[in-house]
């Protein structure tokens, strides 16, 4: 009997190191007309230039994509990580959710914070992207992603790219990219790309067609 040995493509490439990053938002002060938000975005982001925007709903723990927001406000500075005063509001004794978008539209929301109606901790969510050792082959990467419930990646033109190096880019074209061809907020897609041994790569998830809508990243290094 002949024993079939797996090819290099079937075996895949082992990973030496990995790291993930995402876009986060939280609320640390709530008053009758203002909410002070803190946010942390990815390296290289220019929130004001790239039209990062906060959206507000009276709704707990989710983004109601089919409802118009009560208010929205563009991030006023190009600080990658900072705070902003979401003002001009009428905050009642109710639960609110604020979505942070890496673009000007509700469909660009990648993270959110839910503020309870009474005392208690906030609830937060951030989009993420990753792969696994079994998902990394010499000519394809199986990429997993998790975005807000209700997000429709295909309808919104969302995509995944890969770069050689430690961080994705807002301006340099990726080595390869793949459009999300389903409207599942959490799923997986194969990304066709030639990978080398002992090399650093970074995946990026984009919340819209523009490369400035980068929301989450995942760094990995293939073993030598």
Protein backbone atom coordinates (compact mmCIF):
# COMPACT_ATOMS: atom_id res chain seq x y z
CA UNK A 1 0.00 0.00 0.00
CA UNK A 2 1.31 3.43 -0.94
CA UNK A 3 1.26 6.09 1.79
CA UNK A 4 0.22 9.52 0.57
CA UNK A 5 2.25 12.28 2.23
CA UNK A 6 0.75 15.77 2.42
CA UNK A 7 2.20 18.35 0.08
CA UNK A 8 3.59 21.65 1.40
CA UNK A 9 0.35 23.35 0.35
CA UNK A 10 -1.70 20.83 2.32
CA UNK A 11 0.56 21.02 5.38
CA UNK A 12 0.47 24.77 5.66
CA UNK A 13 2.92 27.15 7.31
CA UNK A 14 3.39 27.22 11.08
CA UNK A 15 3.16 30.61 12.80
CA UNK A 16 5.97 32.04 14.90
CA UNK A 17 4.16 35.03 16.43
CA UNK A 18 0.72 36.67 16.24
CA UNK A 19 -0.95 39.88 17.47
CA UNK A 20 -4.32 41.54 16.93
CA UNK A 21 -5.58 45.14 17.07
CA UNK A 22 -8.94 46.83 16.70
CA UNK A 23 -10.93 50.02 17.06
CA UNK A 24 -12.47 50.64 20.48
CA UNK A 25 -14.90 53.22 21.87
CA UNK A 26 -16.19 53.90 25.38
CA UNK A 27 -18.13 56.55 27.30
CA UNK A 28 -16.69 57.81 30.56
CA UNK A 29 -18.95 60.80 31.31
CA UNK A 30 -22.68 61.13 30.62
CA UNK A 31 -24.74 64.25 31.32
CA UNK A 32 -28.04 65.67 30.15
CA UNK A 33 -26.70 67.12 26.91
CA UNK A 34 -23.22 65.61 26.50
CA UNK A 35 -21.44 62.28 26.38
CA UNK A 36 -17.65 62.22 26.56
CA UNK A 37 -16.31 59.43 24.39
CA UNK A 38 -12.87 57.87 24.42
CA UNK A 39 -11.65 56.06 21.32
CA UNK A 40 -8.60 54.14 20.21
CA UNK A 41 -8.06 53.42 16.51
CA UNK A 42 -5.36 51.75 14.44
CA UNK A 43 -1.88 53.10 13.77
CA UNK A 44 -1.89 55.61 10.92
CA UNK A 45 -5.55 56.54 11.21
CA UNK A 46 -6.52 60.20 10.79
CA UNK A 47 -10.06 60.24 12.22
CA UNK A 48 -11.05 63.73 11.05
CA UNK A 49 -9.53 63.46 7.57
CA UNK A 50 -10.98 59.97 7.09
CA UNK A 51 -14.46 61.04 8.30
CA UNK A 52 -14.65 58.81 11.39
CA UNK A 53 -18.09 59.39 12.92
CA UNK A 54 -20.03 58.57 16.10
CA UNK A 55 -23.75 57.67 15.90
CA UNK A 56 -26.27 57.57 18.78
CA UNK A 57 -29.40 55.46 19.30
CA UNK A 58 -31.72 54.91 22.26
CA UNK A 59 -31.23 51.16 22.20
CA UNK A 60 -29.31 48.68 24.39
CA UNK A 61 -26.39 46.52 23.28
CA UNK A 62 -26.81 46.64 19.50
CA UNK A 63 -26.77 48.86 16.43
CA UNK A 64 -30.31 49.17 14.98
CA UNK A 65 -29.19 49.53 11.36
CA UNK A 66 -32.78 49.90 10.15
CA UNK A 67 -33.42 52.99 12.34
CA UNK A 68 -32.12 56.49 11.78
CA UNK A 69 -29.75 57.57 14.59
CA UNK A 70 -30.87 60.23 17.06
CA UNK A 71 -27.65 62.13 16.43
CA UNK A 72 -24.25 61.84 14.79
CA UNK A 73 -20.98 63.71 15.13
CA UNK A 74 -17.73 63.59 13.20
CA UNK A 75 -14.52 63.03 15.14
CA UNK A 76 -12.99 66.53 15.21
CA UNK A 77 -9.25 65.75 15.32
CA UNK A 78 -6.66 63.52 13.66
CA UNK A 79 -5.48 62.00 16.93
CA UNK A 80 -5.30 58.22 16.54
CA UNK A 81 -6.36 57.75 20.17
CA UNK A 82 -8.21 60.40 22.16
CA UNK A 83 -11.55 61.72 23.38
CA UNK A 84 -14.39 63.85 22.03
CA UNK A 85 -17.45 65.64 23.39
CA UNK A 86 -20.58 64.23 21.75
CA UNK A 87 -22.74 67.26 22.53
CA UNK A 88 -26.10 68.85 21.74
CA UNK A 89 -27.98 65.80 23.03
CA UNK A 90 -31.05 65.16 25.19
CA UNK A 91 -30.05 62.19 27.33
CA UNK A 92 -32.93 60.59 29.26
CA UNK A 93 -33.01 57.79 31.83
CA UNK A 94 -32.81 55.14 29.13
CA UNK A 95 -30.22 52.85 27.59
CA UNK A 96 -28.21 54.26 24.69
CA UNK A 97 -25.79 52.74 22.19
CA UNK A 98 -23.11 54.74 20.39
CA UNK A 99 -21.49 53.28 17.29
CA UNK A 100 -18.02 54.32 16.13
CA UNK A 101 -17.59 54.28 12.36
CA UNK A 102 -14.33 54.46 10.41
CA UNK A 103 -16.19 56.43 7.74
CA UNK A 104 -19.14 58.81 7.41
CA UNK A 105 -21.91 56.19 7.21
CA UNK A 106 -23.75 53.92 9.64
CA UNK A 107 -22.58 50.97 7.51
CA UNK A 108 -18.99 51.86 8.49
CA UNK A 109 -19.61 51.17 12.21
CA UNK A 110 -17.02 48.76 13.58
CA UNK A 111 -17.37 49.18 17.35
CA UNK A 112 -19.94 50.32 19.87
CA UNK A 113 -20.54 51.18 23.51
CA UNK A 114 -23.87 50.67 25.28
CA UNK A 115 -24.67 52.94 28.23
CA UNK A 116 -27.18 51.46 30.72
CA UNK A 117 -30.31 53.33 31.82
CA UNK A 118 -29.17 53.26 35.45
CA UNK A 119 -25.90 52.73 37.26
CA UNK A 120 -23.80 49.87 36.03
CA UNK A 121 -20.92 49.12 33.67
CA UNK A 122 -20.96 49.94 29.98
CA UNK A 123 -21.03 47.14 27.44
CA UNK A 124 -18.64 47.37 24.51
CA UNK A 125 -17.94 45.57 21.23
CA UNK A 126 -15.13 45.81 18.70
CA UNK A 127 -14.73 44.16 15.31
CA UNK A 128 -11.91 41.65 14.98
CA UNK A 129 -10.07 39.64 12.36
CA UNK A 130 -7.76 36.64 12.73
CA UNK A 131 -6.47 33.42 11.29
CA UNK A 132 -5.19 30.15 12.75
CA UNK A 133 -2.11 27.99 12.15
CA UNK A 134 -4.27 25.50 10.24
CA UNK A 135 -5.67 28.33 8.13
CA UNK A 136 -2.31 29.56 6.82
CA UNK A 137 -1.13 27.76 3.67
CA UNK A 138 1.63 28.76 1.21
CA UNK A 139 -0.97 30.08 -1.26
CA UNK A 140 -4.07 30.93 0.79
CA UNK A 141 -5.07 32.29 4.20
CA UNK A 142 -8.40 31.37 5.76
CA UNK A 143 -9.46 34.63 7.44
CA UNK A 144 -12.06 34.82 10.21
CA UNK A 145 -13.91 38.05 11.04
CA UNK A 146 -16.41 39.25 13.64
CA UNK A 147 -18.32 42.52 13.13
CA UNK A 148 -21.42 44.06 14.78
CA UNK A 149 -24.62 42.01 14.69
CA UNK A 150 -26.72 43.32 11.81
CA UNK A 151 -23.73 44.46 9.76
CA UNK A 152 -24.00 43.49 6.07
CA UNK A 153 -20.47 43.17 4.67
CA UNK A 154 -21.35 42.44 1.05
CA UNK A 155 -23.95 45.20 0.76
CA UNK A 156 -21.54 47.69 2.35
CA UNK A 157 -18.58 46.78 0.11
CA UNK A 158 -16.42 45.50 2.98
CA UNK A 159 -13.18 43.65 2.26
CA UNK A 160 -10.01 42.14 3.66
CA UNK A 161 -6.44 42.89 2.56
CA UNK A 162 -3.00 41.57 3.41
CA UNK A 163 0.36 43.37 3.56
CA UNK A 164 3.90 42.24 4.12
CA UNK A 165 5.04 43.85 7.37
CA UNK A 166 3.67 44.46 10.84
CA UNK A 167 0.73 46.83 10.14
CA UNK A 168 -1.77 47.31 7.30
CA UNK A 169 -1.74 50.54 5.30
CA UNK A 170 -4.30 53.29 4.70
CA UNK A 171 -2.58 54.31 1.46
CA UNK A 172 -0.40 51.51 0.03
CA UNK A 173 -2.16 48.84 -2.02
CA UNK A 174 -2.24 45.38 -0.39
CA UNK A 175 -0.44 42.31 -1.71
CA UNK A 176 -3.87 40.79 -2.19
CA UNK A 177 -7.48 41.47 -1.20
CA UNK A 178 -10.83 39.72 -1.13
CA UNK A 179 -14.33 41.18 -1.12
CA UNK A 180 -16.78 39.78 1.44
CA UNK A 181 -19.42 38.06 -0.68
CA UNK A 182 -22.02 37.39 2.01
CA UNK A 183 -23.98 39.46 4.51
CA UNK A 184 -23.03 37.44 7.58
CA UNK A 185 -21.68 39.68 10.32
CA UNK A 186 -19.43 36.82 11.48
CA UNK A 187 -17.88 34.41 9.01
CA UNK A 188 -14.71 33.29 7.25
CA UNK A 189 -13.26 33.84 3.77
CA UNK A 190 -10.26 32.44 1.86
CA UNK A 191 -7.69 35.05 0.79
CA UNK A 192 -5.52 33.93 -2.13
CA UNK A 193 -1.91 35.11 -1.65
CA UNK A 194 1.61 33.70 -1.93
CA UNK A 195 3.22 33.48 1.52
CA UNK A 196 6.91 33.03 2.32
CA UNK A 197 8.62 31.33 5.24
CA UNK A 198 10.03 33.50 8.04
CA UNK A 199 8.10 36.57 6.89
CA UNK A 200 5.81 39.05 8.65
CA UNK A 201 2.30 39.71 7.31
CA UNK A 202 -0.67 41.74 8.47
CA UNK A 203 -4.37 41.36 7.63
CA UNK A 204 -6.76 44.30 7.63
CA UNK A 205 -10.58 44.47 7.71
CA UNK A 206 -12.23 47.43 5.98
CA UNK A 207 -15.77 48.63 6.76
CA UNK A 208 -16.37 50.08 3.28
CA UNK A 209 -14.92 50.32 -0.21
CA UNK A 210 -12.35 52.96 0.78
CA UNK A 211 -8.99 51.94 2.22
CA UNK A 212 -9.44 54.63 4.89
CA UNK A 213 -12.18 52.54 6.57
CA UNK A 214 -9.65 50.17 8.18
CA UNK A 215 -11.15 48.84 11.43
CA UNK A 216 -9.19 45.81 12.63
CA UNK A 217 -5.89 44.05 11.96
CA UNK A 218 -4.08 40.80 12.67
CA UNK A 219 -0.31 40.37 12.48
CA UNK A 220 1.38 37.03 12.03
CA UNK A 221 4.85 35.79 11.21
CA UNK A 222 5.42 32.52 9.42
CA UNK A 223 8.05 30.23 10.91
CA UNK A 224 11.40 29.78 9.19
